[in-house]
Amino acid sequence: MDHVLVSGGAPKDPADRLSEELQSLKSSSGLTYARISEHTHYAKSSWERWVNGKQFPPRDAVERIAAVCQADERRLLELWALAEACRTSPAAPAAAGATGRSGAPGEGDAASQDRRQMALWSLTVLALALTAGLARSVAQGRELRRGTFPGGGL
């Protein structure tokens, strides 16, 4: 069995806890997704994805639902910050695997870590390319001001 639920004291993923908290707020408020949408600038389909944990919500949305539902904004934002840190931290895959999400500690960690590493490398290459392009533009600008043209032009 690949997806065995771990019972006992295994802590839940912070993003899952945030989703559960948003679901609890929505339920206790008695508001529909449409009503929450009316009080915020977010679509009801976005609220459905965030509340059900299908997608991670932006910080502003968490602030807004706390205000609409008259909830403790500080506590909700602390949970959001913890979940965001775990989502974006390079150490997050090891921590997520320890929660028992897939049922077996360590299962899925390598793939998740590979994706994060690939994203980090991609961002590094992009930053280097942008830096090189900016440096070249600055150099060309200096040459143009001196009256010389790059590439041996006129």
C-alpha atoms as a PDB file:
ATOM      1  CA  MET A   1       0.000   0.000   0.000  1.00  0.00           C
ATOM      2  CA  ASP A   2       1.528   3.268  -1.082  1.00  0.00           C
ATOM      3  CA  HIS A   3      -0.714   5.709   0.780  1.00  0.00           C
ATOM      4  CA  VAL A   4      -1.097   4.550   4.348  1.00  0.00           C
ATOM      5  CA  LEU A   5      -2.177   7.201   6.792  1.00  0.00           C
ATOM      6  CA  VAL A   6       0.076   7.569   9.774  1.00  0.00           C
ATOM      7  CA  SER A   7      -1.773   7.574  13.048  1.00  0.00           C
ATOM      8  CA  GLY A   8      -0.394   8.864  16.273  1.00  0.00           C
ATOM      9  CA  GLY A   9       1.585  11.972  17.071  1.00  0.00           C
ATOM     10  CA  ALA A  10       2.960  12.815  13.623  1.00  0.00           C
ATOM     11  CA  PRO A  11       2.612  16.573  13.158  1.00  0.00           C
ATOM     12  CA  LYS A  12       0.663  17.845  10.165  1.00  0.00           C
ATOM     13  CA  ASP A  13       2.203  19.883   7.409  1.00  0.00           C
ATOM     14  CA  PRO A  14       1.748  23.635   8.164  1.00  0.00           C
ATOM     15  CA  ALA A  15       0.049  24.174   4.778  1.00  0.00           C
ATOM     16  CA  ASP A  16      -2.473  21.460   5.669  1.00  0.00           C
ATOM     17  CA  ARG A  17      -3.040  23.073   9.065  1.00  0.00           C
ATOM     18  CA  LEU A  18      -3.587  26.442   7.365  1.00  0.00           C
ATOM     19  CA  SER A  19      -6.111  24.887   4.990  1.00  0.00           C
ATOM     20  CA  GLU A  20      -7.938  23.280   7.920  1.00  0.00           C
ATOM     21  CA  GLU A  21      -7.967  26.599   9.755  1.00  0.00           C
ATOM     22  CA  LEU A  22      -9.398  28.391   6.709  1.00  0.00           C
ATOM     23  CA  GLN A  23     -12.058  25.663   6.385  1.00  0.00           C
ATOM     24  CA  SER A  24     -12.931  26.072  10.049  1.00  0.00           C
ATOM     25  CA  LEU A  25     -13.216  29.854   9.662  1.00  0.00           C
ATOM     26  CA  LYS A  26     -15.458  29.509   6.627  1.00  0.00           C
ATOM     27  CA  SER A  27     -17.666  26.925   8.345  1.00  0.00           C
ATOM     28  CA  SER A  28     -18.008  28.839  11.599  1.00  0.00           C
ATOM     29  CA  SER A  29     -18.763  32.099   9.784  1.00  0.00           C
ATOM     30  CA  GLY A  30     -21.600  30.508   7.809  1.00  0.00           C
ATOM     31  CA  LEU A  31     -20.424  32.367   4.713  1.00  0.00           C
ATOM     32  CA  THR A  32     -20.390  30.818   1.266  1.00  0.00           C
ATOM     33  CA  TYR A  33     -17.459  31.213  -1.094  1.00  0.00           C
ATOM     34  CA  ALA A  34     -19.572  33.716  -3.030  1.00  0.00           C
ATOM     35  CA  ARG A  35     -20.167  35.831   0.109  1.00  0.00           C
ATOM     36  CA  ILE A  36     -16.480  35.714   1.062  1.00  0.00           C
ATOM     37  CA  SER A  37     -15.662  36.758  -2.499  1.00  0.00           C
ATOM     38  CA  GLU A  38     -18.050  39.732  -2.209  1.00  0.00           C
ATOM     39  CA  HIS A  39     -16.158  40.974   0.860  1.00  0.00           C
ATOM     40  CA  THR A  40     -12.708  40.526  -0.702  1.00  0.00           C
ATOM     41  CA  HIS A  41     -11.244  41.119  -4.144  1.00  0.00           C
ATOM     42  CA  TYR A  42     -10.682  37.408  -4.738  1.00  0.00           C
ATOM     43  CA  ALA A  43     -12.890  35.105  -6.819  1.00  0.00           C
ATOM     44  CA  LYS A  44     -14.991  32.427  -5.161  1.00  0.00           C
ATOM     45  CA  SER A  45     -13.114  29.766  -7.164  1.00  0.00           C
ATOM     46  CA  SER A  46      -9.844  31.003  -5.619  1.00  0.00           C
ATOM     47  CA  TRP A  47     -11.332  30.759  -2.148  1.00  0.00           C
ATOM     48  CA  GLU A  48     -12.482  27.214  -2.855  1.00  0.00           C
ATOM     49  CA  ARG A  49      -8.948  26.205  -3.913  1.00  0.00           C
ATOM     50  CA  TRP A  50      -7.312  27.871  -0.899  1.00  0.00           C
ATOM     51  CA  VAL A  51      -9.774  26.631   1.708  1.00  0.00           C
ATOM     52  CA  ASN A  52      -9.653  23.070   0.374  1.00  0.00           C
ATOM     53  CA  GLY A  53      -5.851  23.056   0.233  1.00  0.00           C
ATOM     54  CA  LYS A  54      -5.636  22.682  -3.540  1.00  0.00           C
ATOM     55  CA  GLN A  55      -3.507  25.816  -3.793  1.00  0.00           C
ATOM     56  CA  PHE A  56      -1.520  27.908  -1.309  1.00  0.00           C
ATOM     57  CA  PRO A  57      -3.187  31.268  -0.577  1.00  0.00           C
ATOM     58  CA  PRO A  58      -1.443  34.645  -0.808  1.00  0.00           C
ATOM     59  CA  ARG A  59      -0.806  36.460   2.472  1.00  0.00           C
ATOM     60  CA  ASP A  60      -3.281  39.194   1.587  1.00  0.00           C
ATOM     61  CA  ALA A  61      -6.078  36.651   1.155  1.00  0.00           C
ATOM     62  CA  VAL A  62      -5.382  35.246   4.624  1.00  0.00           C
ATOM     63  CA  GLU A  63      -5.505  38.764   6.076  1.00  0.00           C
ATOM     64  CA  ARG A  64      -8.798  39.437   4.303  1.00  0.00           C
ATOM     65  CA  ILE A  65     -10.544  36.235   5.377  1.00  0.00           C
ATOM     66  CA  ALA A  66      -9.436  36.871   8.961  1.00  0.00           C
ATOM     67  CA  ALA A  67     -11.027  40.329   8.786  1.00  0.00           C
ATOM     68  CA  VAL A  68     -14.224  39.069   7.108  1.00  0.00           C
ATOM     69  CA  CYS A  69     -14.627  36.210   9.599  1.00  0.00           C
ATOM     70  CA  GLN A  70     -13.469  38.343  12.553  1.00  0.00           C
ATOM     71  CA  ALA A  71     -10.757  35.851  13.409  1.00  0.00           C
ATOM     72  CA  ASP A  72      -7.413  36.285  15.166  1.00  0.00           C
ATOM     73  CA  GLU A  73      -5.419  37.677  12.241  1.00  0.00           C
ATOM     74  CA  ARG A  74      -2.068  37.466  14.032  1.00  0.00           C
ATOM     75  CA  ARG A  75      -2.389  33.741  14.747  1.00  0.00           C
ATOM     76  CA  LEU A  76      -3.596  32.995  11.224  1.00  0.00           C
ATOM     77  CA  LEU A  77      -0.720  34.980   9.696  1.00  0.00           C
ATOM     78  CA  GLU A  78       1.794  33.184  11.916  1.00  0.00           C
ATOM     79  CA  LEU A  79       0.474  29.874  10.583  1.00  0.00           C
ATOM     80  CA  TRP A  80       0.621  31.245   7.016  1.00  0.00           C
ATOM     81  CA  ALA A  81       4.249  32.388   7.534  1.00  0.00           C
ATOM     82  CA  LEU A  82       5.233  28.980   8.905  1.00  0.00           C
ATOM     83  CA  ALA A  83       3.584  27.218   5.957  1.00  0.00           C
ATOM     84  CA  GLU A  84       5.203  29.614   3.479  1.00  0.00           C
ATOM     85  CA  ALA A  85       8.635  29.079   5.050  1.00  0.00           C
ATOM     86  CA  CYS A  86       8.216  25.314   4.833  1.00  0.00           C
ATOM     87  CA  ARG A  87       7.067  25.560   1.208  1.00  0.00           C
ATOM     88  CA  THR A  88      10.040  27.672   0.123  1.00  0.00           C
ATOM     89  CA  SER A  89      12.795  26.332   2.382  1.00  0.00           C
ATOM     90  CA  PRO A  90      15.385  23.944   0.894  1.00  0.00           C
ATOM     91  CA  ALA A  91      15.030  21.837   4.059  1.00  0.00           C
ATOM     92  CA  ALA A  92      11.257  21.564   3.539  1.00  0.00           C
ATOM     93  CA  PRO A  93      11.321  18.215   1.686  1.00  0.00           C
ATOM     94  CA  ALA A  94      12.909  16.424   4.643  1.00  0.00           C
ATOM     95  CA  ALA A  95      10.457  18.024   7.062  1.00  0.00           C
ATOM     96  CA  ALA A  96       7.480  17.235   4.817  1.00  0.00           C
ATOM     97  CA  GLY A  97       8.541  13.603   4.518  1.00  0.00           C
ATOM     98  CA  ALA A  98       8.768  13.300   8.286  1.00  0.00           C
ATOM     99  CA  THR A  99       5.116  14.320   8.626  1.00  0.00           C
ATOM    100  CA  GLY A 100       3.979  11.051   7.116  1.00  0.00           C
ATOM    101  CA  ARG A 101       2.122  12.688   4.244  1.00  0.00           C
ATOM    102  CA  SER A 102       2.774   9.681   1.987  1.00  0.00           C
ATOM    103  CA  GLY A 103       2.765   7.153   4.782  1.00  0.00           C
ATOM    104  CA  ALA A 104       6.423   6.186   4.632  1.00  0.00           C
ATOM    105  CA  PRO A 105       9.101   8.517   6.010  1.00  0.00           C
ATOM    106  CA  GLY A 106      11.365   9.731   3.248  1.00  0.00           C
ATOM    107  CA  GLU A 107       9.060   8.637   0.436  1.00  0.00           C
ATOM    108  CA  GLY A 108       8.807  11.357  -2.210  1.00  0.00           C
ATOM    109  CA  ASP A 109      11.507  13.481  -0.562  1.00  0.00           C
ATOM    110  CA  ALA A 110      14.053  13.014  -3.341  1.00  0.00           C
ATOM    111  CA  ALA A 111      11.676  14.097  -6.103  1.00  0.00           C
ATOM    112  CA  SER A 112      10.552  17.135  -4.149  1.00  0.00           C
ATOM    113  CA  GLN A 113      14.123  18.085  -3.322  1.00  0.00           C
ATOM    114  CA  ASP A 114      15.134  17.600  -6.972  1.00  0.00           C
ATOM    115  CA  ARG A 115      12.378  19.990  -8.074  1.00  0.00           C
ATOM    116  CA  ARG A 116      13.481  22.587  -5.539  1.00  0.00           C
ATOM    117  CA  GLN A 117      17.115  22.210  -6.570  1.00  0.00           C
ATOM    118  CA  MET A 118      16.194  22.555 -10.237  1.00  0.00           C
ATOM    119  CA  ALA A 119      14.182  25.686  -9.464  1.00  0.00           C
ATOM    120  CA  LEU A 120      17.089  27.132  -7.482  1.00  0.00           C
ATOM    121  CA  TRP A 121      19.535  26.404 -10.318  1.00  0.00           C
ATOM    122  CA  SER A 122      17.129  27.899 -12.851  1.00  0.00           C
ATOM    123  CA  LEU A 123      16.820  31.068 -10.791  1.00  0.00           C
ATOM    124  CA  THR A 124      20.609  31.246 -10.420  1.00  0.00           C
ATOM    125  CA  VAL A 125      21.140  30.913 -14.179  1.00  0.00           C
ATOM    126  CA  LEU A 126      18.452  33.527 -14.820  1.00  0.00           C
ATOM    127  CA  ALA A 127      20.063  35.933 -12.347  1.00  0.00           C
ATOM    128  CA  LEU A 128      23.473  35.442 -13.959  1.00  0.00           C
ATOM    129  CA  ALA A 129      22.049  36.000 -17.446  1.00  0.00           C
ATOM    130  CA  LEU A 130      20.290  39.171 -16.337  1.00  0.00           C
ATOM    131  CA  THR A 131      23.448  40.422 -14.639  1.00  0.00           C
ATOM    132  CA  ALA A 132      25.523  39.736 -17.765  1.00  0.00           C
ATOM    133  CA  GLY A 133      22.965  41.508 -19.941  1.00  0.00           C
ATOM    134  CA  LEU A 134      22.898  44.502 -17.637  1.00  0.00           C
ATOM    135  CA  ALA A 135      26.701  44.671 -17.567  1.00  0.00           C
ATOM    136  CA  ARG A 136      26.818  44.549 -21.368  1.00  0.00           C
ATOM    137  CA  SER A 137      24.203  47.298 -21.648  1.00  0.00           C
ATOM    138  CA  VAL A 138      26.165  49.503 -19.258  1.00  0.00           C
ATOM    139  CA  ALA A 139      29.381  48.874 -21.209  1.00  0.00           C
ATOM    140  CA  GLN A 140      27.692  49.673 -24.511  1.00  0.00           C
ATOM    141  CA  GLY A 141      26.250  52.858 -23.044  1.00  0.00           C
ATOM    142  CA  ARG A 142      29.732  53.980 -21.980  1.00  0.00           C
ATOM    143  CA  GLU A 143      31.120  53.228 -25.449  1.00  0.00           C
ATOM    144  CA  LEU A 144      28.322  55.194 -27.084  1.00  0.00           C
ATOM    145  CA  ARG A 145      29.020  58.206 -24.853  1.00  0.00           C
ATOM    146  CA  ARG A 146      32.713  58.069 -25.806  1.00  0.00           C
ATOM    147  CA  GLY A 147      31.777  57.982 -29.483  1.00  0.00           C
ATOM    148  CA  THR A 148      32.896  54.420 -30.112  1.00  0.00           C
ATOM    149  CA  PHE A 149      30.400  51.843 -31.249  1.00  0.00           C
ATOM    150  CA  PRO A 150      30.364  48.207 -30.175  1.00  0.00           C
ATOM    151  CA  GLY A 151      31.229  45.658 -32.810  1.00  0.00           C
ATOM    152  CA  GLY A 152      33.428  47.998 -34.836  1.00  0.00           C
ATOM    153  CA  GLY A 153      30.480  49.819 -36.414  1.00  0.00           C
ATOM    154  CA  LEU A 154      30.503  53.291 -37.948  1.00  0.00           C
END
